[in-house]
Amino acid sequence: MLIELLIGILVLGVLCVAAGVKVVKQYERGVVFRFGRVQELTRGPGLTVIIPVVDRMRKVNLQIVTMPVPAQEGITRDNVTVRVDAVVYFRVEEPIRAIVNVEDYLFAVGQVAQTSLRSIIGKSDLDDLLSNRERLNQGLELMIDSPALGWGVHIDRVEIKDVSLPESMKRSIARQAEAERERRSRVISADGEFQASRRLADAAHVMADTPAALQLRLLETVVEVAAEKNSTLVLPFPVELLQFVDTIKHGATGAAEPSAEPEPEAELAEAERAAEREAELLGAKPEAELPQQRAAEPAEDAERSVLGIA
């Protein structure tokens, strides 16, 4: 009877010791509550012993937790409806605060991440969501980390994974990108034409100083054309000949125009010559004496009248 009692006590003691022995892993910390009061020191990794019935221990994982944030739909500052999802990386730095200050720190961090993501969508433009994600990630990290510090949780990183746009907006962005690329191509083409024109102008100045260079270039062009199609006959036509023809044309036009203008002067000269001839035939004096003759004519008429009266 006594032996059975000793065996029972021994078994009970073994069970109590087994219940009080706990194993804490390397990435965990144990928070011990004694009669409901939290102990200041946490239990490190390895084998630890607690008092059965008196103590309760909760293990807290110190690894970095990867939490996906469900896609949140919102309207950006420039009135575009988008759906954005993200991922949050965080870890527990103070196990006691993570257990005491918040009921479920995983659920709390998830809810804060969703609300912060909605808030950052409403404060940002569509272009920022598509191209400037690094700055938005930093702002989102600060928004989540502010309340998480009181829970003993540190936010390591926040990343925006994907931005979903409506199909109409995707088509609009595609048209905008196409127009931008078309503008760039036209600008590059115009710039190339400008540079080519300047090079051609420089080449023209060089050829103007050395006419032999123009002849060599002409021969090179003939060789290139003959290499492509041997049956083609190339007959160079010098540009100087066109300039010569143009000069002759302008000269002929300039000579014809003055001959048509002096017709009144020619008529006056011909009338003067006719008057001189008539004066020579009549034996009259030049036109300068005509006034004297006109003054003498009244005197002769007076003499004739006197004679008639006599």
C-alpha atoms as a PDB file:
ATOM      1  CA  MET A   1       0.000   0.000   0.000  1.00  0.00           C
ATOM      2  CA  LEU A   2       2.784   2.358   0.923  1.00  0.00           C
ATOM      3  CA  ILE A   3       4.645   1.452  -2.199  1.00  0.00           C
ATOM      4  CA  GLU A   4       1.680   2.243  -4.378  1.00  0.00           C
ATOM      5  CA  LEU A   5       1.322   5.618  -2.642  1.00  0.00           C
ATOM      6  CA  LEU A   6       4.977   6.428  -3.267  1.00  0.00           C
ATOM      7  CA  ILE A   7       4.644   5.387  -6.865  1.00  0.00           C
ATOM      8  CA  GLY A   8       1.578   7.640  -7.253  1.00  0.00           C
ATOM      9  CA  ILE A   9       3.401  10.586  -5.674  1.00  0.00           C
ATOM     10  CA  LEU A  10       6.378   9.996  -7.941  1.00  0.00           C
ATOM     11  CA  VAL A  11       4.196   9.847 -11.021  1.00  0.00           C
ATOM     12  CA  LEU A  12       2.407  13.032  -9.968  1.00  0.00           C
ATOM     13  CA  GLY A  13       5.730  14.763  -9.437  1.00  0.00           C
ATOM     14  CA  VAL A  14       6.953  13.664 -12.842  1.00  0.00           C
ATOM     15  CA  LEU A  15       3.777  14.964 -14.463  1.00  0.00           C
ATOM     16  CA  CYS A  16       4.121  18.295 -12.670  1.00  0.00           C
ATOM     17  CA  VAL A  17       7.730  18.667 -13.732  1.00  0.00           C
ATOM     18  CA  ALA A  18       6.821  17.681 -17.290  1.00  0.00           C
ATOM     19  CA  ALA A  19       4.037  20.253 -17.310  1.00  0.00           C
ATOM     20  CA  GLY A  20       6.391  22.936 -16.052  1.00  0.00           C
ATOM     21  CA  VAL A  21       9.153  22.274 -18.568  1.00  0.00           C
ATOM     22  CA  LYS A  22       8.880  24.284 -21.762  1.00  0.00           C
ATOM     23  CA  VAL A  23      11.057  24.485 -24.833  1.00  0.00           C
ATOM     24  CA  VAL A  24      11.515  27.896 -26.490  1.00  0.00           C
ATOM     25  CA  LYS A  25      12.876  27.937 -30.034  1.00  0.00           C
ATOM     26  CA  GLN A  26      15.629  30.187 -31.243  1.00  0.00           C
ATOM     27  CA  TYR A  27      13.295  32.588 -33.067  1.00  0.00           C
ATOM     28  CA  GLU A  28      10.792  32.756 -30.189  1.00  0.00           C
ATOM     29  CA  ARG A  29      10.537  34.458 -26.830  1.00  0.00           C
ATOM     30  CA  GLY A  30       8.383  33.340 -23.898  1.00  0.00           C
ATOM     31  CA  VAL A  31       6.195  35.811 -22.010  1.00  0.00           C
ATOM     32  CA  VAL A  32       5.306  34.434 -18.570  1.00  0.00           C
ATOM     33  CA  PHE A  33       2.161  35.408 -16.657  1.00  0.00           C
ATOM     34  CA  ARG A  34       2.201  34.534 -12.953  1.00  0.00           C
ATOM     35  CA  PHE A  35      -1.282  34.674 -11.442  1.00  0.00           C
ATOM     36  CA  GLY A  36      -2.220  36.870 -14.376  1.00  0.00           C
ATOM     37  CA  ARG A  37       0.629  39.351 -13.874  1.00  0.00           C
ATOM     38  CA  VAL A  38       3.230  39.577 -16.634  1.00  0.00           C
ATOM     39  CA  GLN A  39       6.834  38.994 -15.655  1.00  0.00           C
ATOM     40  CA  GLU A  40       9.375  41.623 -16.672  1.00  0.00           C
ATOM     41  CA  LEU A  41      11.860  39.112 -18.023  1.00  0.00           C
ATOM     42  CA  THR A  42      11.047  37.016 -21.034  1.00  0.00           C
ATOM     43  CA  ARG A  43      12.272  33.467 -21.419  1.00  0.00           C
ATOM     44  CA  GLY A  44      14.991  33.021 -24.005  1.00  0.00           C
ATOM     45  CA  PRO A  45      15.532  30.119 -26.399  1.00  0.00           C
ATOM     46  CA  GLY A  46      16.203  26.702 -24.928  1.00  0.00           C
ATOM     47  CA  LEU A  47      14.748  24.666 -22.045  1.00  0.00           C
ATOM     48  CA  THR A  48      12.883  26.681 -19.404  1.00  0.00           C
ATOM     49  CA  VAL A  49      10.786  25.732 -16.389  1.00  0.00           C
ATOM     50  CA  ILE A  50       7.628  27.372 -15.114  1.00  0.00           C
ATOM     51  CA  ILE A  51       5.495  26.655 -12.097  1.00  0.00           C
ATOM     52  CA  PRO A  52       2.484  24.559 -13.126  1.00  0.00           C
ATOM     53  CA  VAL A  53      -0.947  26.035 -12.473  1.00  0.00           C
ATOM     54  CA  VAL A  54       0.702  29.251 -11.231  1.00  0.00           C
ATOM     55  CA  ASP A  55       2.462  30.341 -14.407  1.00  0.00           C
ATOM     56  CA  ARG A  56       1.267  30.567 -17.981  1.00  0.00           C
ATOM     57  CA  MET A  57       3.629  31.209 -20.877  1.00  0.00           C
ATOM     58  CA  ARG A  58       2.867  32.556 -24.350  1.00  0.00           C
ATOM     59  CA  LYS A  59       5.400  32.266 -27.105  1.00  0.00           C
ATOM     60  CA  VAL A  60       5.960  35.192 -29.460  1.00  0.00           C
ATOM     61  CA  ASN A  61       7.528  34.736 -32.904  1.00  0.00           C
ATOM     62  CA  LEU A  62      10.310  37.227 -33.633  1.00  0.00           C
ATOM     63  CA  GLN A  63      10.676  36.341 -37.313  1.00  0.00           C
ATOM     64  CA  ILE A  64       9.792  38.797 -40.063  1.00  0.00           C
ATOM     65  CA  VAL A  65       6.171  38.278 -40.995  1.00  0.00           C
ATOM     66  CA  THR A  66       5.063  38.741 -44.604  1.00  0.00           C
ATOM     67  CA  MET A  67       1.472  39.922 -44.698  1.00  0.00           C
ATOM     68  CA  PRO A  68      -0.308  40.513 -48.015  1.00  0.00           C
ATOM     69  CA  VAL A  69      -2.724  43.413 -47.992  1.00  0.00           C
ATOM     70  CA  PRO A  70      -5.958  42.707 -49.926  1.00  0.00           C
ATOM     71  CA  ALA A  71      -6.591  44.844 -52.995  1.00  0.00           C
ATOM     72  CA  GLN A  72      -8.197  48.125 -52.053  1.00  0.00           C
ATOM     73  CA  GLU A  73     -10.317  50.106 -54.493  1.00  0.00           C
ATOM     74  CA  GLY A  74     -10.151  53.866 -54.313  1.00  0.00           C
ATOM     75  CA  ILE A  75     -10.213  57.112 -56.272  1.00  0.00           C
ATOM     76  CA  THR A  76      -6.976  58.961 -56.816  1.00  0.00           C
ATOM     77  CA  ARG A  77      -6.545  62.696 -56.452  1.00  0.00           C
ATOM     78  CA  ASP A  78      -7.038  63.151 -60.209  1.00  0.00           C
ATOM     79  CA  ASN A  79     -10.368  61.214 -60.089  1.00  0.00           C
ATOM     80  CA  VAL A  80      -9.260  57.840 -61.478  1.00  0.00           C
ATOM     81  CA  THR A  81     -10.665  54.624 -60.003  1.00  0.00           C
ATOM     82  CA  VAL A  82      -7.912  52.084 -59.260  1.00  0.00           C
ATOM     83  CA  ARG A  83      -7.396  48.869 -57.317  1.00  0.00           C
ATOM     84  CA  VAL A  84      -4.116  48.607 -55.417  1.00  0.00           C
ATOM     85  CA  ASP A  85      -2.717  45.734 -53.407  1.00  0.00           C
ATOM     86  CA  ALA A  86       0.437  45.683 -51.299  1.00  0.00           C
ATOM     87  CA  VAL A  87       2.557  43.547 -48.992  1.00  0.00           C
ATOM     88  CA  VAL A  88       3.833  44.432 -45.502  1.00  0.00           C
ATOM     89  CA  TYR A  89       6.998  43.068 -43.865  1.00  0.00           C
ATOM     90  CA  PHE A  90       7.155  43.480 -40.078  1.00  0.00           C
ATOM     91  CA  ARG A  91       8.529  41.817 -36.961  1.00  0.00           C
ATOM     92  CA  VAL A  92       7.960  41.947 -33.203  1.00  0.00           C
ATOM     93  CA  GLU A  93      10.645  43.832 -31.296  1.00  0.00           C
ATOM     94  CA  GLU A  94       9.038  43.918 -27.821  1.00  0.00           C
ATOM     95  CA  PRO A  95       7.169  40.656 -27.082  1.00  0.00           C
ATOM     96  CA  ILE A  96       5.614  41.908 -23.838  1.00  0.00           C
ATOM     97  CA  ARG A  97       4.005  44.948 -25.479  1.00  0.00           C
ATOM     98  CA  ALA A  98       2.869  42.862 -28.451  1.00  0.00           C
ATOM     99  CA  ILE A  99       1.008  40.531 -26.075  1.00  0.00           C
ATOM    100  CA  VAL A 100      -0.237  43.041 -23.489  1.00  0.00           C
ATOM    101  CA  ASN A 101      -1.043  46.189 -25.488  1.00  0.00           C
ATOM    102  CA  VAL A 102      -2.997  44.617 -28.334  1.00  0.00           C
ATOM    103  CA  GLU A 103      -5.267  41.599 -28.481  1.00  0.00           C
ATOM    104  CA  ASP A 104      -4.075  40.289 -31.852  1.00  0.00           C
ATOM    105  CA  TYR A 105      -1.174  42.225 -33.327  1.00  0.00           C
ATOM    106  CA  LEU A 106      -1.371  40.366 -36.648  1.00  0.00           C
ATOM    107  CA  PHE A 107      -4.983  41.380 -37.221  1.00  0.00           C
ATOM    108  CA  ALA A 108      -4.262  44.935 -36.029  1.00  0.00           C
ATOM    109  CA  VAL A 109      -1.357  45.379 -38.418  1.00  0.00           C
ATOM    110  CA  GLY A 110      -3.459  44.054 -41.292  1.00  0.00           C
ATOM    111  CA  GLN A 111      -6.297  46.506 -40.635  1.00  0.00           C
ATOM    112  CA  VAL A 112      -3.927  49.455 -40.304  1.00  0.00           C
ATOM    113  CA  ALA A 113      -2.258  48.472 -43.577  1.00  0.00           C
ATOM    114  CA  GLN A 114      -5.593  48.425 -45.424  1.00  0.00           C
ATOM    115  CA  THR A 115      -6.720  51.811 -44.122  1.00  0.00           C
ATOM    116  CA  SER A 116      -3.314  53.354 -44.801  1.00  0.00           C
ATOM    117  CA  LEU A 117      -3.353  51.992 -48.337  1.00  0.00           C
ATOM    118  CA  ARG A 118      -6.762  53.549 -48.992  1.00  0.00           C
ATOM    119  CA  SER A 119      -5.542  56.846 -47.587  1.00  0.00           C
ATOM    120  CA  ILE A 120      -2.398  56.878 -49.725  1.00  0.00           C
ATOM    121  CA  ILE A 121      -4.476  56.167 -52.841  1.00  0.00           C
ATOM    122  CA  GLY A 122      -6.688  59.201 -52.215  1.00  0.00           C
ATOM    123  CA  LYS A 123      -3.657  61.471 -51.685  1.00  0.00           C
ATOM    124  CA  SER A 124      -1.742  60.406 -54.794  1.00  0.00           C
ATOM    125  CA  ASP A 125      -2.071  60.945 -58.528  1.00  0.00           C
ATOM    126  CA  LEU A 126      -2.247  58.139 -61.038  1.00  0.00           C
ATOM    127  CA  ASP A 127       1.195  58.980 -62.406  1.00  0.00           C
ATOM    128  CA  ASP A 128       2.678  58.652 -58.909  1.00  0.00           C
ATOM    129  CA  LEU A 129       1.085  55.242 -58.432  1.00  0.00           C
ATOM    130  CA  LEU A 130       2.493  54.044 -61.738  1.00  0.00           C
ATOM    131  CA  SER A 131       5.972  55.564 -61.744  1.00  0.00           C
ATOM    132  CA  ASN A 132       6.867  56.972 -58.324  1.00  0.00           C
ATOM    133  CA  ARG A 133       6.174  53.983 -56.106  1.00  0.00           C
ATOM    134  CA  GLU A 134       9.298  54.313 -53.988  1.00  0.00           C
ATOM    135  CA  ARG A 135       8.101  57.541 -52.419  1.00  0.00           C
ATOM    136  CA  LEU A 136       4.620  56.090 -51.885  1.00  0.00           C
ATOM    137  CA  ASN A 137       6.115  53.000 -50.235  1.00  0.00           C
ATOM    138  CA  GLN A 138       7.999  55.195 -47.797  1.00  0.00           C
ATOM    139  CA  GLY A 139       4.899  57.216 -46.983  1.00  0.00           C
ATOM    140  CA  LEU A 140       2.838  54.056 -46.519  1.00  0.00           C
ATOM    141  CA  GLU A 141       5.520  52.608 -44.234  1.00  0.00           C
ATOM    142  CA  LEU A 142       5.438  55.687 -42.011  1.00  0.00           C
ATOM    143  CA  MET A 143       1.637  55.618 -41.818  1.00  0.00           C
ATOM    144  CA  ILE A 144       1.606  51.963 -40.692  1.00  0.00           C
ATOM    145  CA  ASP A 145       4.627  52.235 -38.419  1.00  0.00           C
ATOM    146  CA  SER A 146       3.223  55.095 -36.328  1.00  0.00           C
ATOM    147  CA  PRO A 147       0.519  53.064 -34.498  1.00  0.00           C
ATOM    148  CA  ALA A 148       2.540  49.836 -34.656  1.00  0.00           C
ATOM    149  CA  LEU A 149       5.301  51.268 -32.447  1.00  0.00           C
ATOM    150  CA  GLY A 150       2.914  51.239 -29.472  1.00  0.00           C
ATOM    151  CA  TRP A 151       2.300  47.532 -30.039  1.00  0.00           C
ATOM    152  CA  GLY A 152       5.982  46.586 -29.996  1.00  0.00           C
ATOM    153  CA  VAL A 153       5.927  45.902 -33.750  1.00  0.00           C
ATOM    154  CA  HIS A 154       8.412  47.369 -36.221  1.00  0.00           C
ATOM    155  CA  ILE A 155       7.477  47.753 -39.912  1.00  0.00           C
ATOM    156  CA  ASP A 156      10.494  46.798 -42.001  1.00  0.00           C
ATOM    157  CA  ARG A 157       9.163  47.426 -45.471  1.00  0.00           C
ATOM    158  CA  VAL A 158       5.960  48.079 -47.411  1.00  0.00           C
ATOM    159  CA  GLU A 159       5.671  47.427 -51.138  1.00  0.00           C
ATOM    160  CA  ILE A 160       2.848  48.228 -53.563  1.00  0.00           C
ATOM    161  CA  LYS A 161       2.529  45.119 -55.706  1.00  0.00           C
ATOM    162  CA  ASP A 162       0.054  45.945 -58.424  1.00  0.00           C
ATOM    163  CA  VAL A 163      -2.151  48.784 -59.659  1.00  0.00           C
ATOM    164  CA  SER A 164      -5.225  47.672 -61.609  1.00  0.00           C
ATOM    165  CA  LEU A 165      -6.786  50.195 -63.996  1.00  0.00           C
ATOM    166  CA  PRO A 166     -10.072  50.148 -65.941  1.00  0.00           C
ATOM    167  CA  GLU A 167      -9.849  49.093 -69.574  1.00  0.00           C
ATOM    168  CA  SER A 168     -10.835  52.551 -70.812  1.00  0.00           C
ATOM    169  CA  MET A 169      -8.031  54.114 -68.818  1.00  0.00           C
ATOM    170  CA  LYS A 170      -5.559  51.582 -70.176  1.00  0.00           C
ATOM    171  CA  ARG A 171      -6.543  52.502 -73.731  1.00  0.00           C
ATOM    172  CA  SER A 172      -6.194  56.199 -72.948  1.00  0.00           C
ATOM    173  CA  ILE A 173      -2.731  55.676 -71.488  1.00  0.00           C
ATOM    174  CA  ALA A 174      -1.755  53.610 -74.545  1.00  0.00           C
ATOM    175  CA  ARG A 175      -2.884  56.399 -76.880  1.00  0.00           C
ATOM    176  CA  GLN A 176      -0.994  58.954 -74.834  1.00  0.00           C
ATOM    177  CA  ALA A 177       2.176  56.870 -74.943  1.00  0.00           C
ATOM    178  CA  GLU A 178       1.793  56.387 -78.687  1.00  0.00           C
ATOM    179  CA  ALA A 179       1.368  60.125 -79.241  1.00  0.00           C
ATOM    180  CA  GLU A 180       4.400  60.856 -77.088  1.00  0.00           C
ATOM    181  CA  ARG A 181       6.543  58.413 -79.049  1.00  0.00           C
ATOM    182  CA  GLU A 182       5.297  59.898 -82.322  1.00  0.00           C
ATOM    183  CA  ARG A 183       6.249  63.363 -81.094  1.00  0.00           C
ATOM    184  CA  ARG A 184       9.711  62.164 -80.141  1.00  0.00           C
ATOM    185  CA  SER A 185      10.214  60.507 -83.508  1.00  0.00           C
ATOM    186  CA  ARG A 186       9.221  63.688 -85.342  1.00  0.00           C
ATOM    187  CA  VAL A 187      11.511  65.817 -83.200  1.00  0.00           C
ATOM    188  CA  ILE A 188      14.408  63.426 -83.775  1.00  0.00           C
ATOM    189  CA  SER A 189      13.704  63.381 -87.532  1.00  0.00           C
ATOM    190  CA  ALA A 190      13.566  67.187 -87.672  1.00  0.00           C
ATOM    191  CA  ASP A 191      16.784  67.433 -85.685  1.00  0.00           C
ATOM    192  CA  GLY A 192      18.440  65.008 -88.097  1.00  0.00           C
ATOM    193  CA  GLU A 193      17.270  67.053 -91.071  1.00  0.00           C
ATOM    194  CA  PHE A 194      18.632  70.217 -89.471  1.00  0.00           C
ATOM    195  CA  GLN A 195      22.015  68.669 -88.817  1.00  0.00           C
ATOM    196  CA  ALA A 196      22.113  67.191 -92.311  1.00  0.00           C
ATOM    197  CA  SER A 197      21.277  70.575 -93.850  1.00  0.00           C
ATOM    198  CA  ARG A 198      24.096  72.232 -91.918  1.00  0.00           C
ATOM    199  CA  ARG A 199      26.522  69.547 -93.080  1.00  0.00           C
ATOM    200  CA  LEU A 200      25.347  69.965 -96.657  1.00  0.00           C
ATOM    201  CA  ALA A 201      25.798  73.729 -96.380  1.00  0.00           C
ATOM    202  CA  ASP A 202      29.366  73.225 -95.147  1.00  0.00           C
ATOM    203  CA  ALA A 203      29.996  70.786 -97.992  1.00  0.00           C
ATOM    204  CA  ALA A 204      28.581  73.298-100.487  1.00  0.00           C
ATOM    205  CA  HIS A 205      30.983  75.987 -99.233  1.00  0.00           C
ATOM    206  CA  VAL A 206      33.916  73.601 -99.606  1.00  0.00           C
ATOM    207  CA  MET A 207      32.844  72.616-103.118  1.00  0.00           C
ATOM    208  CA  ALA A 208      32.365  76.270-104.055  1.00  0.00           C
ATOM    209  CA  ASP A 209      35.974  76.964-103.072  1.00  0.00           C
ATOM    210  CA  THR A 210      37.244  73.870-104.911  1.00  0.00           C
ATOM    211  CA  PRO A 211      35.177  73.081-108.039  1.00  0.00           C
ATOM    212  CA  ALA A 212      37.156  69.869-108.555  1.00  0.00           C
ATOM    213  CA  ALA A 213      35.475  68.430-105.462  1.00  0.00           C
ATOM    214  CA  LEU A 214      32.059  68.876-107.094  1.00  0.00           C
ATOM    215  CA  GLN A 215      33.308  67.054-110.186  1.00  0.00           C
ATOM    216  CA  LEU A 216      34.667  64.198-108.080  1.00  0.00           C
ATOM    217  CA  ARG A 217      31.364  63.940-106.240  1.00  0.00           C
ATOM    218  CA  LEU A 218      29.520  63.826-109.536  1.00  0.00           C
ATOM    219  CA  LEU A 219      31.742  61.025-110.782  1.00  0.00           C
ATOM    220  CA  GLU A 220      31.220  59.112-107.552  1.00  0.00           C
ATOM    221  CA  THR A 221      27.444  59.408-107.953  1.00  0.00           C
ATOM    222  CA  VAL A 222      27.736  58.086-111.504  1.00  0.00           C
ATOM    223  CA  VAL A 223      29.728  55.106-110.245  1.00  0.00           C
ATOM    224  CA  GLU A 224      27.120  54.352-107.572  1.00  0.00           C
ATOM    225  CA  VAL A 225      24.256  54.448-110.045  1.00  0.00           C
ATOM    226  CA  ALA A 226      26.147  52.323-112.559  1.00  0.00           C
ATOM    227  CA  ALA A 227      26.889  49.713-109.879  1.00  0.00           C
ATOM    228  CA  GLU A 228      23.183  49.196-109.124  1.00  0.00           C
ATOM    229  CA  LYS A 229      21.838  49.060-112.686  1.00  0.00           C
ATOM    230  CA  ASN A 230      24.373  48.653-115.505  1.00  0.00           C
ATOM    231  CA  SER A 231      21.741  49.367-118.173  1.00  0.00           C
ATOM    232  CA  THR A 232      21.044  52.846-116.801  1.00  0.00           C
ATOM    233  CA  LEU A 233      22.579  55.760-118.676  1.00  0.00           C
ATOM    234  CA  VAL A 234      23.480  58.727-116.482  1.00  0.00           C
ATOM    235  CA  LEU A 235      23.917  62.085-118.205  1.00  0.00           C
ATOM    236  CA  PRO A 236      25.144  64.763-115.788  1.00  0.00           C
ATOM    237  CA  PHE A 237      23.639  68.171-116.358  1.00  0.00           C
ATOM    238  CA  PRO A 238      25.724  70.973-114.850  1.00  0.00           C
ATOM    239  CA  VAL A 239      23.948  73.466-112.666  1.00  0.00           C
ATOM    240  CA  GLU A 240      26.085  76.304-114.031  1.00  0.00           C
ATOM    241  CA  LEU A 241      24.376  75.930-117.392  1.00  0.00           C
ATOM    242  CA  LEU A 242      21.004  76.586-115.788  1.00  0.00           C
ATOM    243  CA  GLN A 243      22.411  79.666-114.089  1.00  0.00           C
ATOM    244  CA  PHE A 244      23.800  80.884-117.432  1.00  0.00           C
ATOM    245  CA  VAL A 245      20.450  80.411-119.156  1.00  0.00           C
ATOM    246  CA  ASP A 246      18.701  82.215-116.319  1.00  0.00           C
ATOM    247  CA  THR A 247      21.158  85.130-116.606  1.00  0.00           C
ATOM    248  CA  ILE A 248      20.595  85.431-120.371  1.00  0.00           C
ATOM    249  CA  LYS A 249      16.840  85.379-119.877  1.00  0.00           C
ATOM    250  CA  HIS A 250      16.972  88.190-117.318  1.00  0.00           C
ATOM    251  CA  GLY A 251      19.287  90.198-119.614  1.00  0.00           C
ATOM    252  CA  ALA A 252      16.922  89.916-122.569  1.00  0.00           C
ATOM    253  CA  THR A 253      13.988  90.953-120.445  1.00  0.00           C
ATOM    254  CA  GLY A 254      15.892  93.969-119.124  1.00  0.00           C
ATOM    255  CA  ALA A 255      16.859  95.082-122.641  1.00  0.00           C
ATOM    256  CA  ALA A 256      13.339  94.821-123.994  1.00  0.00           C
ATOM    257  CA  GLU A 257      11.766  96.890-121.283  1.00  0.00           C
ATOM    258  CA  PRO A 258      13.764 100.169-121.886  1.00  0.00           C
ATOM    259  CA  SER A 259      13.059 100.099-125.670  1.00  0.00           C
ATOM    260  CA  ALA A 260       9.346 100.176-125.059  1.00  0.00           C
ATOM    261  CA  GLU A 261       9.436 103.179-122.738  1.00  0.00           C
ATOM    262  CA  PRO A 262      11.089 106.018-124.794  1.00  0.00           C
ATOM    263  CA  GLU A 263       8.433 106.188-127.574  1.00  0.00           C
ATOM    264  CA  PRO A 264       7.242 109.769-126.661  1.00  0.00           C
ATOM    265  CA  GLU A 265      10.809 111.089-126.742  1.00  0.00           C
ATOM    266  CA  ALA A 266      11.388 109.577-130.196  1.00  0.00           C
ATOM    267  CA  GLU A 267       8.227 111.214-131.534  1.00  0.00           C
ATOM    268  CA  LEU A 268       9.301 114.623-130.190  1.00  0.00           C
ATOM    269  CA  ALA A 269      12.739 114.302-131.791  1.00  0.00           C
ATOM    270  CA  GLU A 270      11.180 113.345-135.116  1.00  0.00           C
ATOM    271  CA  ALA A 271       8.792 116.348-134.989  1.00  0.00           C
ATOM    272  CA  GLU A 272      11.725 118.700-134.331  1.00  0.00           C
ATOM    273  CA  ARG A 273      13.672 117.304-137.252  1.00  0.00           C
ATOM    274  CA  ALA A 274      10.588 117.744-139.514  1.00  0.00           C
ATOM    275  CA  ALA A 275      10.204 121.380-138.408  1.00  0.00           C
ATOM    276  CA  GLU A 276      13.874 122.106-139.178  1.00  0.00           C
ATOM    277  CA  ARG A 277      13.552 120.636-142.640  1.00  0.00           C
ATOM    278  CA  GLU A 278      10.447 122.761-143.373  1.00  0.00           C
ATOM    279  CA  ALA A 279      12.251 125.855-142.151  1.00  0.00           C
ATOM    280  CA  GLU A 280      15.197 125.180-144.461  1.00  0.00           C
ATOM    281  CA  LEU A 281      12.876 124.765-147.419  1.00  0.00           C
ATOM    282  CA  LEU A 282      11.023 127.998-146.743  1.00  0.00           C
ATOM    283  CA  GLY A 283      14.263 129.890-146.074  1.00  0.00           C
ATOM    284  CA  ALA A 284      12.909 130.935-142.775  1.00  0.00           C
ATOM    285  CA  LYS A 285      14.926 131.604-139.670  1.00  0.00           C
ATOM    286  CA  PRO A 286      15.122 129.250-136.776  1.00  0.00           C
ATOM    287  CA  GLU A 287      12.382 128.970-134.256  1.00  0.00           C
ATOM    288  CA  ALA A 288      14.138 131.461-132.021  1.00  0.00           C
ATOM    289  CA  GLU A 289      13.305 134.334-134.408  1.00  0.00           C
ATOM    290  CA  LEU A 290       9.633 133.512-134.688  1.00  0.00           C
ATOM    291  CA  PRO A 291       8.655 136.026-132.025  1.00  0.00           C
ATOM    292  CA  GLN A 292      10.365 138.900-133.927  1.00  0.00           C
ATOM    293  CA  GLN A 293       8.588 137.937-137.132  1.00  0.00           C
ATOM    294  CA  ARG A 294       5.304 137.906-135.268  1.00  0.00           C
ATOM    295  CA  ALA A 295       6.079 141.457-133.970  1.00  0.00           C
ATOM    296  CA  ALA A 296       6.953 142.769-137.505  1.00  0.00           C
ATOM    297  CA  GLU A 297       3.818 141.448-139.136  1.00  0.00           C
ATOM    298  CA  PRO A 298       1.499 144.099-137.643  1.00  0.00           C
ATOM    299  CA  ALA A 299       3.747 146.905-138.995  1.00  0.00           C
ATOM    300  CA  GLU A 300       3.575 145.583-142.560  1.00  0.00           C
ATOM    301  CA  ASP A 301      -0.195 145.316-142.362  1.00  0.00           C
ATOM    302  CA  ALA A 302      -0.399 148.935-141.227  1.00  0.00           C
ATOM    303  CA  GLU A 303       1.697 150.162-144.226  1.00  0.00           C
ATOM    304  CA  ARG A 304      -0.475 148.211-146.620  1.00  0.00           C
ATOM    305  CA  SER A 305      -3.601 149.779-145.158  1.00  0.00           C
ATOM    306  CA  VAL A 306      -2.113 153.306-145.486  1.00  0.00           C
ATOM    307  CA  LEU A 307      -1.224 152.733-149.116  1.00  0.00           C
ATOM    308  CA  GLY A 308      -4.673 151.463-149.824  1.00  0.00           C
ATOM    309  CA  ILE A 309      -6.234 154.595-148.309  1.00  0.00           C
ATOM    310  CA  ALA A 310      -3.935 156.844-150.374  1.00  0.00           C
END
